[in-house]
Amino acid sequence: SVNTTTLRSGEMLVFTLSFTDAEGDLSGSLYAEKIVPNCKESEFDQSFPVPSFPSSKNEHGDLTVTFGYNSSDPSYSSVKPPQCHMNDTAVFRFALTDKANHTSDTISSPPIVLIYQ
């Protein structure tokens, strides 16, 4: 899920990603990308480490991923702002890779509009 589908400068974009880990070895990396069909310059992709946590077989839970849009809070990753002098209509995609290098299915967000400043 995502907290909003319209994002303005200074706001946070918060994704909640549900997972099930059959082997109990989730701690690996999370791949995230922003796809903007009308402005390739606004796109990005990045991998983030998944913090280690105690887990067991068939573990399930939620991961929260937060991006700041022109936010002054340095504790959040920044989402790349619109680069083509217009609003971005973007789709965010995510995939998890575990310790054994197995990659999950890729999930996609609904279209999210980043308001151009």
PDB file of N, CA and C in Angstrom:
ATOM      1  N   SER A   1       0.850  -1.178   0.000  1.00  0.00           N
ATOM      2  CA  SER A   1       0.000   0.000   0.000  1.00  0.00           C
ATOM      3  C   SER A   1       0.891   1.235   0.000  1.00  0.00           C
ATOM      4  N   VAL A   2       0.287   2.375  -0.286  1.00  0.00           N
ATOM      5  CA  VAL A   2       1.005   3.644  -0.297  1.00  0.00           C
ATOM      6  C   VAL A   2       0.124   4.702   0.363  1.00  0.00           C
ATOM      7  N   ASN A   3       0.745   5.650   1.046  1.00  0.00           N
ATOM      8  CA  ASN A   3      -0.020   6.628   1.819  1.00  0.00           C
ATOM      9  C   ASN A   3      -0.688   7.701   0.976  1.00  0.00           C
ATOM     10  N   THR A   4      -0.227   7.939  -0.260  1.00  0.00           N
ATOM     11  CA  THR A   4      -0.817   8.973  -1.099  1.00  0.00           C
ATOM     12  C   THR A   4      -0.526   8.672  -2.568  1.00  0.00           C
ATOM     13  N   THR A   5      -1.327   9.226  -3.457  1.00  0.00           N
ATOM     14  CA  THR A   5      -1.043   9.107  -4.889  1.00  0.00           C
ATOM     15  C   THR A   5      -0.753  10.480  -5.494  1.00  0.00           C
ATOM     16  N   THR A   6      -0.705  11.509  -4.651  1.00  0.00           N
ATOM     17  CA  THR A   6      -0.290  12.851  -5.069  1.00  0.00           C
ATOM     18  C   THR A   6       0.710  13.363  -4.039  1.00  0.00           C
ATOM     19  N   LEU A   7       1.903  13.710  -4.502  1.00  0.00           N
ATOM     20  CA  LEU A   7       2.982  14.091  -3.593  1.00  0.00           C
ATOM     21  C   LEU A   7       3.459  15.499  -3.913  1.00  0.00           C
ATOM     22  N   ARG A   8       3.493  16.334  -2.877  1.00  0.00           N
ATOM     23  CA  ARG A   8       3.963  17.713  -3.003  1.00  0.00           C
ATOM     24  C   ARG A   8       5.285  17.878  -2.259  1.00  0.00           C
ATOM     25  N   SER A   9       6.014  18.919  -2.620  1.00  0.00           N
ATOM     26  CA  SER A   9       7.298  19.200  -1.997  1.00  0.00           C
ATOM     27  C   SER A   9       7.167  19.239  -0.478  1.00  0.00           C
ATOM     28  N   GLY A  10       8.115  18.596   0.196  1.00  0.00           N
ATOM     29  CA  GLY A  10       8.129  18.556   1.660  1.00  0.00           C
ATOM     30  C   GLY A  10       7.366  17.384   2.248  1.00  0.00           C
ATOM     31  N   GLU A  11       6.656  16.633   1.422  1.00  0.00           N
ATOM     32  CA  GLU A  11       5.862  15.499   1.921  1.00  0.00           C
ATOM     33  C   GLU A  11       6.648  14.193   1.824  1.00  0.00           C
ATOM     34  N   MET A  12       6.137  13.196   2.523  1.00  0.00           N
ATOM     35  CA  MET A  12       6.734  11.863   2.517  1.00  0.00           C
ATOM     36  C   MET A  12       5.856  10.894   1.727  1.00  0.00           C
ATOM     37  N   LEU A  13       6.505   9.990   1.040  1.00  0.00           N
ATOM     38  CA  LEU A  13       5.843   8.916   0.313  1.00  0.00           C
ATOM     39  C   LEU A  13       6.169   7.636   1.066  1.00  0.00           C
ATOM     40  N   VAL A  14       5.146   6.978   1.627  1.00  0.00           N
ATOM     41  CA  VAL A  14       5.358   5.817   2.496  1.00  0.00           C
ATOM     42  C   VAL A  14       4.699   4.590   1.870  1.00  0.00           C
ATOM     43  N   PHE A  15       5.511   3.596   1.553  1.00  0.00           N
ATOM     44  CA  PHE A  15       5.032   2.324   1.023  1.00  0.00           C
ATOM     45  C   PHE A  15       5.071   1.288   2.144  1.00  0.00           C
ATOM     46  N   THR A  16       4.054   0.465   2.244  1.00  0.00           N
ATOM     47  CA  THR A  16       4.040  -0.675   3.149  1.00  0.00           C
ATOM     48  C   THR A  16       4.014  -1.928   2.287  1.00  0.00           C
ATOM     49  N   LEU A  17       5.058  -2.722   2.396  1.00  0.00           N
ATOM     50  CA  LEU A  17       5.224  -3.924   1.580  1.00  0.00           C
ATOM     51  C   LEU A  17       5.076  -5.153   2.465  1.00  0.00           C
ATOM     52  N   SER A  18       4.121  -6.001   2.170  1.00  0.00           N
ATOM     53  CA  SER A  18       3.917  -7.239   2.925  1.00  0.00           C
ATOM     54  C   SER A  18       4.785  -8.339   2.331  1.00  0.00           C
ATOM     55  N   PHE A  19       5.284  -9.216   3.199  1.00  0.00           N
ATOM     56  CA  PHE A  19       6.139 -10.307   2.728  1.00  0.00           C
ATOM     57  C   PHE A  19       5.843 -11.584   3.499  1.00  0.00           C
ATOM     58  N   THR A  20       6.202 -12.704   2.874  1.00  0.00           N
ATOM     59  CA  THR A  20       6.274 -14.012   3.518  1.00  0.00           C
ATOM     60  C   THR A  20       7.625 -14.590   3.143  1.00  0.00           C
ATOM     61  N   ASP A  21       8.365 -15.060   4.131  1.00  0.00           N
ATOM     62  CA  ASP A  21       9.699 -15.598   3.914  1.00  0.00           C
ATOM     63  C   ASP A  21       9.707 -17.063   4.327  1.00  0.00           C
ATOM     64  N   ALA A  22       9.687 -17.965   3.357  1.00  0.00           N
ATOM     65  CA  ALA A  22       9.595 -19.397   3.633  1.00  0.00           C
ATOM     66  C   ALA A  22      10.828 -19.935   4.356  1.00  0.00           C
ATOM     67  N   GLU A  23      12.007 -19.412   4.030  1.00  0.00           N
ATOM     68  CA  GLU A  23      13.256 -19.960   4.576  1.00  0.00           C
ATOM     69  C   GLU A  23      13.758 -19.237   5.824  1.00  0.00           C
ATOM     70  N   GLY A  24      13.212 -18.085   6.144  1.00  0.00           N
ATOM     71  CA  GLY A  24      13.677 -17.340   7.309  1.00  0.00           C
ATOM     72  C   GLY A  24      14.994 -16.623   7.087  1.00  0.00           C
ATOM     73  N   ASP A  25      15.274 -16.266   5.826  1.00  0.00           N
ATOM     74  CA  ASP A  25      16.547 -15.593   5.506  1.00  0.00           C
ATOM     75  C   ASP A  25      16.332 -14.296   4.723  1.00  0.00           C
ATOM     76  N   LEU A  26      15.326 -13.552   5.104  1.00  0.00           N
ATOM     77  CA  LEU A  26      14.954 -12.353   4.355  1.00  0.00           C
ATOM     78  C   LEU A  26      16.053 -11.306   4.288  1.00  0.00           C
ATOM     79  N   SER A  27      16.799 -11.110   5.339  1.00  0.00           N
ATOM     80  CA  SER A  27      17.780 -10.011   5.369  1.00  0.00           C
ATOM     81  C   SER A  27      18.684 -10.070   4.145  1.00  0.00           C
ATOM     82  N   GLY A  28      18.492  -9.162   3.255  1.00  0.00           N
ATOM     83  CA  GLY A  28      19.253  -9.077   2.010  1.00  0.00           C
ATOM     84  C   GLY A  28      19.150  -7.657   1.500  1.00  0.00           C
ATOM     85  N   SER A  29      18.484  -7.481   0.350  1.00  0.00           N
ATOM     86  CA  SER A  29      18.348  -6.128  -0.187  1.00  0.00           C
ATOM     87  C   SER A  29      16.965  -5.926  -0.787  1.00  0.00           C
ATOM     88  N   LEU A  30      16.575  -4.669  -0.839  1.00  0.00           N
ATOM     89  CA  LEU A  30      15.327  -4.251  -1.450  1.00  0.00           C
ATOM     90  C   LEU A  30      15.680  -3.373  -2.638  1.00  0.00           C
ATOM     91  N   TYR A  31      15.220  -3.776  -3.817  1.00  0.00           N
ATOM     92  CA  TYR A  31      15.424  -2.999  -5.037  1.00  0.00           C
ATOM     93  C   TYR A  31      14.198  -2.125  -5.242  1.00  0.00           C
ATOM     94  N   ALA A  32      14.426  -0.834  -5.506  1.00  0.00           N
ATOM     95  CA  ALA A  32      13.331   0.103  -5.753  1.00  0.00           C
ATOM     96  C   ALA A  32      13.640   0.882  -7.020  1.00  0.00           C
ATOM     97  N   GLU A  33      12.617   1.117  -7.821  1.00  0.00           N
ATOM     98  CA  GLU A  33      12.797   1.959  -8.991  1.00  0.00           C
ATOM     99  C   GLU A  33      11.572   2.835  -9.209  1.00  0.00           C
ATOM    100  N   LYS A  34      11.816   3.999  -9.783  1.00  0.00           N
ATOM    101  CA  LYS A  34      10.766   4.952 -10.150  1.00  0.00           C
ATOM    102  C   LYS A  34      10.751   4.999 -11.668  1.00  0.00           C
ATOM    103  N   ILE A  35       9.596   4.696 -12.261  1.00  0.00           N
ATOM    104  CA  ILE A  35       9.449   4.689 -13.709  1.00  0.00           C
ATOM    105  C   ILE A  35       8.521   5.831 -14.100  1.00  0.00           C
ATOM    106  N   VAL A  36       8.999   6.679 -15.012  1.00  0.00           N
ATOM    107  CA  VAL A  36       8.228   7.835 -15.482  1.00  0.00           C
ATOM    108  C   VAL A  36       8.226   7.789 -17.015  1.00  0.00           C
ATOM    109  N   PRO A  37       7.179   7.223 -17.620  1.00  0.00           N
ATOM    110  CA  PRO A  37       7.185   7.045 -19.082  1.00  0.00           C
ATOM    111  C   PRO A  37       7.405   8.324 -19.890  1.00  0.00           C
ATOM    112  N   ASN A  38       6.934   9.472 -19.408  1.00  0.00           N
ATOM    113  CA  ASN A  38       7.049  10.707 -20.173  1.00  0.00           C
ATOM    114  C   ASN A  38       8.286  11.525 -19.841  1.00  0.00           C
ATOM    115  N   CYS A  39       9.152  11.023 -18.948  1.00  0.00           N
ATOM    116  CA  CYS A  39      10.357  11.775 -18.583  1.00  0.00           C
ATOM    117  C   CYS A  39      11.404  10.821 -18.025  1.00  0.00           C
ATOM    118  N   LYS A  40      12.177  10.222 -18.892  1.00  0.00           N
ATOM    119  CA  LYS A  40      13.202   9.257 -18.475  1.00  0.00           C
ATOM    120  C   LYS A  40      14.215   9.866 -17.496  1.00  0.00           C
ATOM    121  N   GLU A  41      14.439  11.190 -17.576  1.00  0.00           N
ATOM    122  CA  GLU A  41      15.389  11.858 -16.697  1.00  0.00           C
ATOM    123  C   GLU A  41      14.956  11.818 -15.233  1.00  0.00           C
ATOM    124  N   SER A  42      13.663  11.618 -14.979  1.00  0.00           N
ATOM    125  CA  SER A  42      13.137  11.570 -13.610  1.00  0.00           C
ATOM    126  C   SER A  42      13.238  10.187 -12.982  1.00  0.00           C
ATOM    127  N   GLU A  43      13.608   9.199 -13.762  1.00  0.00           N
ATOM    128  CA  GLU A  43      13.637   7.832 -13.249  1.00  0.00           C
ATOM    129  C   GLU A  43      14.860   7.596 -12.365  1.00  0.00           C
ATOM    130  N   PHE A  44      14.746   6.610 -11.486  1.00  0.00           N
ATOM    131  CA  PHE A  44      15.889   6.174 -10.688  1.00  0.00           C
ATOM    132  C   PHE A  44      15.697   4.723 -10.308  1.00  0.00           C
ATOM    133  N   ASP A  45      16.794   4.078  -9.953  1.00  0.00           N
ATOM    134  CA  ASP A  45      16.734   2.761  -9.323  1.00  0.00           C
ATOM    135  C   ASP A  45      17.818   2.721  -8.259  1.00  0.00           C
ATOM    136  N   GLN A  46      17.522   1.976  -7.212  1.00  0.00           N
ATOM    137  CA  GLN A  46      18.431   1.942  -6.065  1.00  0.00           C
ATOM    138  C   GLN A  46      18.167   0.674  -5.267  1.00  0.00           C
ATOM    139  N   SER A  47      19.204   0.142  -4.652  1.00  0.00           N
ATOM    140  CA  SER A  47      19.058  -0.992  -3.743  1.00  0.00           C
ATOM    141  C   SER A  47      19.351  -0.524  -2.322  1.00  0.00           C
ATOM    142  N   PHE A  48      18.573  -1.047  -1.396  1.00  0.00           N
ATOM    143  CA  PHE A  48      18.717  -0.715   0.016  1.00  0.00           C
ATOM    144  C   PHE A  48      18.929  -2.002   0.796  1.00  0.00           C
ATOM    145  N   PRO A  49      19.809  -1.998   1.790  1.00  0.00           N
ATOM    146  CA  PRO A  49      19.949  -3.197   2.632  1.00  0.00           C
ATOM    147  C   PRO A  49      18.703  -3.378   3.496  1.00  0.00           C
ATOM    148  N   VAL A  50      18.302  -4.619   3.664  1.00  0.00           N
ATOM    149  CA  VAL A  50      17.212  -4.940   4.588  1.00  0.00           C
ATOM    150  C   VAL A  50      17.862  -5.243   5.929  1.00  0.00           C
ATOM    151  N   PRO A  51      17.489  -4.516   6.966  1.00  0.00           N
ATOM    152  CA  PRO A  51      18.111  -4.749   8.276  1.00  0.00           C
ATOM    153  C   PRO A  51      17.907  -6.194   8.745  1.00  0.00           C
ATOM    154  N   SER A  52      18.905  -6.729   9.408  1.00  0.00           N
ATOM    155  CA  SER A  52      18.779  -8.066   9.984  1.00  0.00           C
ATOM    156  C   SER A  52      17.799  -8.022  11.151  1.00  0.00           C
ATOM    157  N   PHE A  53      17.004  -9.068  11.254  1.00  0.00           N
ATOM    158  CA  PHE A  53      16.084  -9.194  12.376  1.00  0.00           C
ATOM    159  C   PHE A  53      15.848 -10.676  12.612  1.00  0.00           C
ATOM    160  N   PRO A  54      15.519 -11.050  13.829  1.00  0.00           N
ATOM    161  CA  PRO A  54      15.267 -12.467  14.108  1.00  0.00           C
ATOM    162  C   PRO A  54      14.065 -12.944  13.289  1.00  0.00           C
ATOM    163  N   SER A  55      14.244 -14.032  12.576  1.00  0.00           N
ATOM    164  CA  SER A  55      13.128 -14.559  11.799  1.00  0.00           C
ATOM    165  C   SER A  55      13.188 -16.076  11.783  1.00  0.00           C
ATOM    166  N   SER A  56      12.071 -16.656  11.426  1.00  0.00           N
ATOM    167  CA  SER A  56      11.972 -18.112  11.357  1.00  0.00           C
ATOM    168  C   SER A  56      11.310 -18.484  10.045  1.00  0.00           C
ATOM    169  N   LYS A  57      11.256 -19.765   9.767  1.00  0.00           N
ATOM    170  CA  LYS A  57      10.606 -20.225   8.544  1.00  0.00           C
ATOM    171  C   LYS A  57       9.157 -19.748   8.512  1.00  0.00           C
ATOM    172  N   ASN A  58       8.717 -19.438   7.308  1.00  0.00           N
ATOM    173  CA  ASN A  58       7.353 -18.935   7.054  1.00  0.00           C
ATOM    174  C   ASN A  58       7.058 -17.637   7.807  1.00  0.00           C
ATOM    175  N   GLU A  59       8.101 -16.842   7.985  1.00  0.00           N
ATOM    176  CA  GLU A  59       7.942 -15.518   8.613  1.00  0.00           C
ATOM    177  C   GLU A  59       7.112 -14.628   7.680  1.00  0.00           C
ATOM    178  N   HIS A  60       6.236 -13.851   8.251  1.00  0.00           N
ATOM    179  CA  HIS A  60       5.505 -12.873   7.448  1.00  0.00           C
ATOM    180  C   HIS A  60       5.419 -11.562   8.224  1.00  0.00           C
ATOM    181  N   GLY A  61       5.298 -10.492   7.477  1.00  0.00           N
ATOM    182  CA  GLY A  61       5.252  -9.180   8.106  1.00  0.00           C
ATOM    183  C   GLY A  61       5.200  -8.089   7.065  1.00  0.00           C
ATOM    184  N   ASP A  62       5.541  -6.893   7.473  1.00  0.00           N
ATOM    185  CA  ASP A  62       5.516  -5.722   6.602  1.00  0.00           C
ATOM    186  C   ASP A  62       6.861  -5.009   6.668  1.00  0.00           C
ATOM    187  N   LEU A  63       7.281  -4.478   5.543  1.00  0.00           N
ATOM    188  CA  LEU A  63       8.420  -3.571   5.469  1.00  0.00           C
ATOM    189  C   LEU A  63       7.873  -2.198   5.104  1.00  0.00           C
ATOM    190  N   THR A  64       8.380  -1.166   5.742  1.00  0.00           N
ATOM    191  CA  THR A  64       7.981   0.199   5.417  1.00  0.00           C
ATOM    192  C   THR A  64       9.137   0.885   4.712  1.00  0.00           C
ATOM    193  N   VAL A  65       8.831   1.474   3.558  1.00  0.00           N
ATOM    194  CA  VAL A  65       9.827   2.197   2.763  1.00  0.00           C
ATOM    195  C   VAL A  65       9.339   3.629   2.640  1.00  0.00           C
ATOM    196  N   THR A  66      10.158   4.591   3.077  1.00  0.00           N
ATOM    197  CA  THR A  66       9.750   5.992   3.076  1.00  0.00           C
ATOM    198  C   THR A  66      10.726   6.823   2.254  1.00  0.00           C
ATOM    199  N   PHE A  67      10.184   7.611   1.341  1.00  0.00           N
ATOM    200  CA  PHE A  67      10.951   8.563   0.548  1.00  0.00           C
ATOM    201  C   PHE A  67      10.479   9.967   0.890  1.00  0.00           C
ATOM    202  N   GLY A  68      11.408  10.899   0.998  1.00  0.00           N
ATOM    203  CA  GLY A  68      11.066  12.298   1.184  1.00  0.00           C
ATOM    204  C   GLY A  68      11.157  13.032  -0.138  1.00  0.00           C
ATOM    205  N   TYR A  69      10.219  13.929  -0.397  1.00  0.00           N
ATOM    206  CA  TYR A  69      10.230  14.740  -1.612  1.00  0.00           C
ATOM    207  C   TYR A  69      10.609  16.165  -1.205  1.00  0.00           C
ATOM    208  N   ASN A  70      11.842  16.547  -1.495  1.00  0.00           N
ATOM    209  CA  ASN A  70      12.392  17.841  -1.064  1.00  0.00           C
ATOM    210  C   ASN A  70      12.216  18.021   0.437  1.00  0.00           C
ATOM    211  N   SER A  71      12.420  16.950   1.170  1.00  0.00           N
ATOM    212  CA  SER A  71      12.270  16.974   2.620  1.00  0.00           C
ATOM    213  C   SER A  71      13.570  17.423   3.272  1.00  0.00           C
ATOM    214  N   SER A  72      13.460  18.115   4.385  1.00  0.00           N
ATOM    215  CA  SER A  72      14.645  18.530   5.129  1.00  0.00           C
ATOM    216  C   SER A  72      15.105  17.450   6.114  1.00  0.00           C
ATOM    217  N   ASP A  73      14.372  16.344   6.189  1.00  0.00           N
ATOM    218  CA  ASP A  73      14.721  15.261   7.111  1.00  0.00           C
ATOM    219  C   ASP A  73      15.723  14.319   6.446  1.00  0.00           C
ATOM    220  N   PRO A  74      16.992  14.328   6.877  1.00  0.00           N
ATOM    221  CA  PRO A  74      18.014  13.506   6.228  1.00  0.00           C
ATOM    222  C   PRO A  74      17.915  12.011   6.533  1.00  0.00           C
ATOM    223  N   SER A  75      16.995  11.607   7.396  1.00  0.00           N
ATOM    224  CA  SER A  75      16.898  10.190   7.753  1.00  0.00           C
ATOM    225  C   SER A  75      16.120   9.376   6.716  1.00  0.00           C
ATOM    226  N   TYR A  76      15.539  10.041   5.711  1.00  0.00           N
ATOM    227  CA  TYR A  76      14.798   9.346   4.660  1.00  0.00           C
ATOM    228  C   TYR A  76      15.507   9.511   3.326  1.00  0.00           C
ATOM    229  N   SER A  77      15.413   8.491   2.489  1.00  0.00           N
ATOM    230  CA  SER A  77      15.942   8.603   1.134  1.00  0.00           C
ATOM    231  C   SER A  77      15.093   9.600   0.363  1.00  0.00           C
ATOM    232  N   SER A  78      15.742  10.311  -0.542  1.00  0.00           N
ATOM    233  CA  SER A  78      15.010  11.283  -1.353  1.00  0.00           C
ATOM    234  C   SER A  78      14.479  10.628  -2.611  1.00  0.00           C
ATOM    235  N   VAL A  79      13.269  11.015  -2.968  1.00  0.00           N
ATOM    236  CA  VAL A  79      12.724  10.603  -4.251  1.00  0.00           C
ATOM    237  C   VAL A  79      13.186  11.647  -5.260  1.00  0.00           C
ATOM    238  N   LYS A  80      13.638  11.204  -6.413  1.00  0.00           N
ATOM    239  CA  LYS A  80      14.114  12.138  -7.433  1.00  0.00           C
ATOM    240  C   LYS A  80      12.951  13.009  -7.907  1.00  0.00           C
ATOM    241  N   PRO A  81      13.103  14.329  -7.853  1.00  0.00           N
ATOM    242  CA  PRO A  81      12.004  15.214  -8.240  1.00  0.00           C
ATOM    243  C   PRO A  81      11.820  15.243  -9.760  1.00  0.00           C
ATOM    244  N   PRO A  82      10.696  15.788 -10.225  1.00  0.00           N
ATOM    245  CA  PRO A  82      10.470  15.912 -11.670  1.00  0.00           C
ATOM    246  C   PRO A  82      11.605  16.664 -12.358  1.00  0.00           C
ATOM    247  N   GLN A  83      12.058  16.148 -13.488  1.00  0.00           N
ATOM    248  CA  GLN A  83      13.180  16.727 -14.219  1.00  0.00           C
ATOM    249  C   GLN A  83      12.785  17.362 -15.551  1.00  0.00           C
ATOM    250  N   CYS A  84      11.523  17.224 -15.966  1.00  0.00           N
ATOM    251  CA  CYS A  84      11.101  17.693 -17.294  1.00  0.00           C
ATOM    252  C   CYS A  84      10.174  18.901 -17.228  1.00  0.00           C
ATOM    253  N   HIS A  85      10.246  19.673 -16.131  1.00  0.00           N
ATOM    254  CA  HIS A  85       9.470  20.918 -15.990  1.00  0.00           C
ATOM    255  C   HIS A  85       7.965  20.690 -16.086  1.00  0.00           C
ATOM    256  N   MET A  86       7.522  19.556 -15.551  1.00  0.00           N
ATOM    257  CA  MET A  86       6.099  19.231 -15.456  1.00  0.00           C
ATOM    258  C   MET A  86       5.944  18.185 -14.371  1.00  0.00           C
ATOM    259  N   ASN A  87       4.708  17.934 -13.952  1.00  0.00           N
ATOM    260  CA  ASN A  87       4.460  16.878 -12.965  1.00  0.00           C
ATOM    261  C   ASN A  87       4.950  15.541 -13.497  1.00  0.00           C
ATOM    262  N   ASP A  88       5.465  14.709 -12.603  1.00  0.00           N
ATOM    263  CA  ASP A  88       5.779  13.316 -12.950  1.00  0.00           C
ATOM    264  C   ASP A  88       4.591  12.445 -12.578  1.00  0.00           C
ATOM    265  N   THR A  89       4.178  11.579 -13.482  1.00  0.00           N
ATOM    266  CA  THR A  89       3.262  10.501 -13.132  1.00  0.00           C
ATOM    267  C   THR A  89       4.108   9.244 -13.164  1.00  0.00           C
ATOM    268  N   ALA A  90       4.380   8.714 -11.972  1.00  0.00           N
ATOM    269  CA  ALA A  90       5.356   7.646 -11.826  1.00  0.00           C
ATOM    270  C   ALA A  90       4.727   6.385 -11.252  1.00  0.00           C
ATOM    271  N   VAL A  91       5.357   5.276 -11.562  1.00  0.00           N
ATOM    272  CA  VAL A  91       5.054   3.993 -10.933  1.00  0.00           C
ATOM    273  C   VAL A  91       6.333   3.553 -10.235  1.00  0.00           C
ATOM    274  N   PHE A  92       6.200   3.111  -9.001  1.00  0.00           N
ATOM    275  CA  PHE A  92       7.328   2.605  -8.238  1.00  0.00           C
ATOM    276  C   PHE A  92       7.239   1.081  -8.226  1.00  0.00           C
ATOM    277  N   ARG A  93       8.396   0.434  -8.421  1.00  0.00           N
ATOM    278  CA  ARG A  93       8.449  -1.024  -8.419  1.00  0.00           C
ATOM    279  C   ARG A  93       9.465  -1.470  -7.374  1.00  0.00           C
ATOM    280  N   PHE A  94       9.163  -2.621  -6.737  1.00  0.00           N
ATOM    281  CA  PHE A  94      10.000  -3.141  -5.663  1.00  0.00           C
ATOM    282  C   PHE A  94      10.191  -4.644  -5.821  1.00  0.00           C
ATOM    283  N   ALA A  95      11.370  -5.128  -5.411  1.00  0.00           N
ATOM    284  CA  ALA A  95      11.652  -6.564  -5.337  1.00  0.00           C
ATOM    285  C   ALA A  95      12.635  -6.796  -4.202  1.00  0.00           C
ATOM    286  N   LEU A  96      12.470  -7.896  -3.486  1.00  0.00           N
ATOM    287  CA  LEU A  96      13.361  -8.283  -2.389  1.00  0.00           C
ATOM    288  C   LEU A  96      14.292  -9.403  -2.832  1.00  0.00           C
ATOM    289  N   THR A  97      15.532  -9.346  -2.370  1.00  0.00           N
ATOM    290  CA  THR A  97      16.480 -10.433  -2.572  1.00  0.00           C
ATOM    291  C   THR A  97      16.945 -10.887  -1.191  1.00  0.00           C
ATOM    292  N   ASP A  98      16.882 -12.209  -0.937  1.00  0.00           N
ATOM    293  CA  ASP A  98      17.246 -12.709   0.389  1.00  0.00           C
ATOM    294  C   ASP A  98      18.724 -13.091   0.443  1.00  0.00           C
ATOM    295  N   LYS A  99      19.149 -13.625   1.594  1.00  0.00           N
ATOM    296  CA  LYS A  99      20.555 -13.988   1.800  1.00  0.00           C
ATOM    297  C   LYS A  99      21.031 -15.050   0.803  1.00  0.00           C
ATOM    298  N   ALA A 100      20.124 -15.910   0.346  1.00  0.00           N
ATOM    299  CA  ALA A 100      20.487 -16.967  -0.594  1.00  0.00           C
ATOM    300  C   ALA A 100      20.412 -16.484  -2.050  1.00  0.00           C
ATOM    301  N   ASN A 101      20.224 -15.179  -2.236  1.00  0.00           N
ATOM    302  CA  ASN A 101      20.164 -14.545  -3.549  1.00  0.00           C
ATOM    303  C   ASN A 101      18.912 -14.921  -4.351  1.00  0.00           C
ATOM    304  N   HIS A 102      17.842 -15.292  -3.668  1.00  0.00           N
ATOM    305  CA  HIS A 102      16.545 -15.518  -4.321  1.00  0.00           C
ATOM    306  C   HIS A 102      15.816 -14.178  -4.380  1.00  0.00           C
ATOM    307  N   THR A 103      15.218 -13.879  -5.518  1.00  0.00           N
ATOM    308  CA  THR A 103      14.521 -12.608  -5.700  1.00  0.00           C
ATOM    309  C   THR A 103      13.021 -12.832  -5.767  1.00  0.00           C
ATOM    310  N   SER A 104      12.298 -11.977  -5.083  1.00  0.00           N
ATOM    311  CA  SER A 104      10.834 -12.065  -5.032  1.00  0.00           C
ATOM    312  C   SER A 104      10.222 -11.632  -6.358  1.00  0.00           C
ATOM    313  N   ASP A 105       8.924 -11.808  -6.457  1.00  0.00           N
ATOM    314  CA  ASP A 105       8.183 -11.197  -7.549  1.00  0.00           C
ATOM    315  C   ASP A 105       8.305  -9.692  -7.404  1.00  0.00           C
ATOM    316  N   THR A 106       8.195  -8.986  -8.504  1.00  0.00           N
ATOM    317  CA  THR A 106       8.232  -7.521  -8.477  1.00  0.00           C
ATOM    318  C   THR A 106       6.815  -7.010  -8.290  1.00  0.00           C
ATOM    319  N   ILE A 107       6.665  -6.047  -7.384  1.00  0.00           N
ATOM    320  CA  ILE A 107       5.355  -5.427  -7.191  1.00  0.00           C
ATOM    321  C   ILE A 107       5.424  -3.982  -7.668  1.00  0.00           C
ATOM    322  N   SER A 108       4.280  -3.471  -8.104  1.00  0.00           N
ATOM    323  CA  SER A 108       4.206  -2.111  -8.631  1.00  0.00           C
ATOM    324  C   SER A 108       3.160  -1.312  -7.881  1.00  0.00           C
ATOM    325  N   SER A 109       3.449  -0.030  -7.710  1.00  0.00           N
ATOM    326  CA  SER A 109       2.498   0.878  -7.069  1.00  0.00           C
ATOM    327  C   SER A 109       1.460   1.337  -8.087  1.00  0.00           C
ATOM    328  N   PRO A 110       0.384   1.939  -7.602  1.00  0.00           N
ATOM    329  CA  PRO A 110      -0.500   2.647  -8.513  1.00  0.00           C
ATOM    330  C   PRO A 110       0.237   3.886  -9.036  1.00  0.00           C
ATOM    331  N   PRO A 111      -0.266   4.540 -10.073  1.00  0.00           N
ATOM    332  CA  PRO A 111       0.374   5.784 -10.533  1.00  0.00           C
ATOM    333  C   PRO A 111       0.384   6.831  -9.407  1.00  0.00           C
ATOM    334  N   ILE A 112       1.533   7.471  -9.244  1.00  0.00           N
ATOM    335  CA  ILE A 112       1.711   8.494  -8.225  1.00  0.00           C
ATOM    336  C   ILE A 112       2.172   9.774  -8.921  1.00  0.00           C
ATOM    337  N   VAL A 113       1.498  10.879  -8.650  1.00  0.00           N
ATOM    338  CA  VAL A 113       1.837  12.164  -9.272  1.00  0.00           C
ATOM    339  C   VAL A 113       2.717  12.957  -8.315  1.00  0.00           C
ATOM    340  N   LEU A 114       3.914  13.305  -8.772  1.00  0.00           N
ATOM    341  CA  LEU A 114       4.811  14.191  -8.036  1.00  0.00           C
ATOM    342  C   LEU A 114       4.626  15.583  -8.639  1.00  0.00           C
ATOM    343  N   ILE A 115       4.159  16.512  -7.836  1.00  0.00           N
ATOM    344  CA  ILE A 115       3.854  17.851  -8.308  1.00  0.00           C
ATOM    345  C   ILE A 115       5.157  18.622  -8.555  1.00  0.00           C
ATOM    346  N   TYR A 116       5.289  19.144  -9.766  1.00  0.00           N
ATOM    347  CA  TYR A 116       6.466  19.919 -10.141  1.00  0.00           C
ATOM    348  C   TYR A 116       6.466  21.261  -9.420  1.00  0.00           C
ATOM    349  N   GLN A 117       7.631  21.699  -8.953  1.00  0.00           N
ATOM    350  CA  GLN A 117       7.753  22.980  -8.257  1.00  0.00           C
ATOM    351  C   GLN A 117       8.198  24.057  -9.210  1.00  0.00           C
TER     352      GLN A 117
END
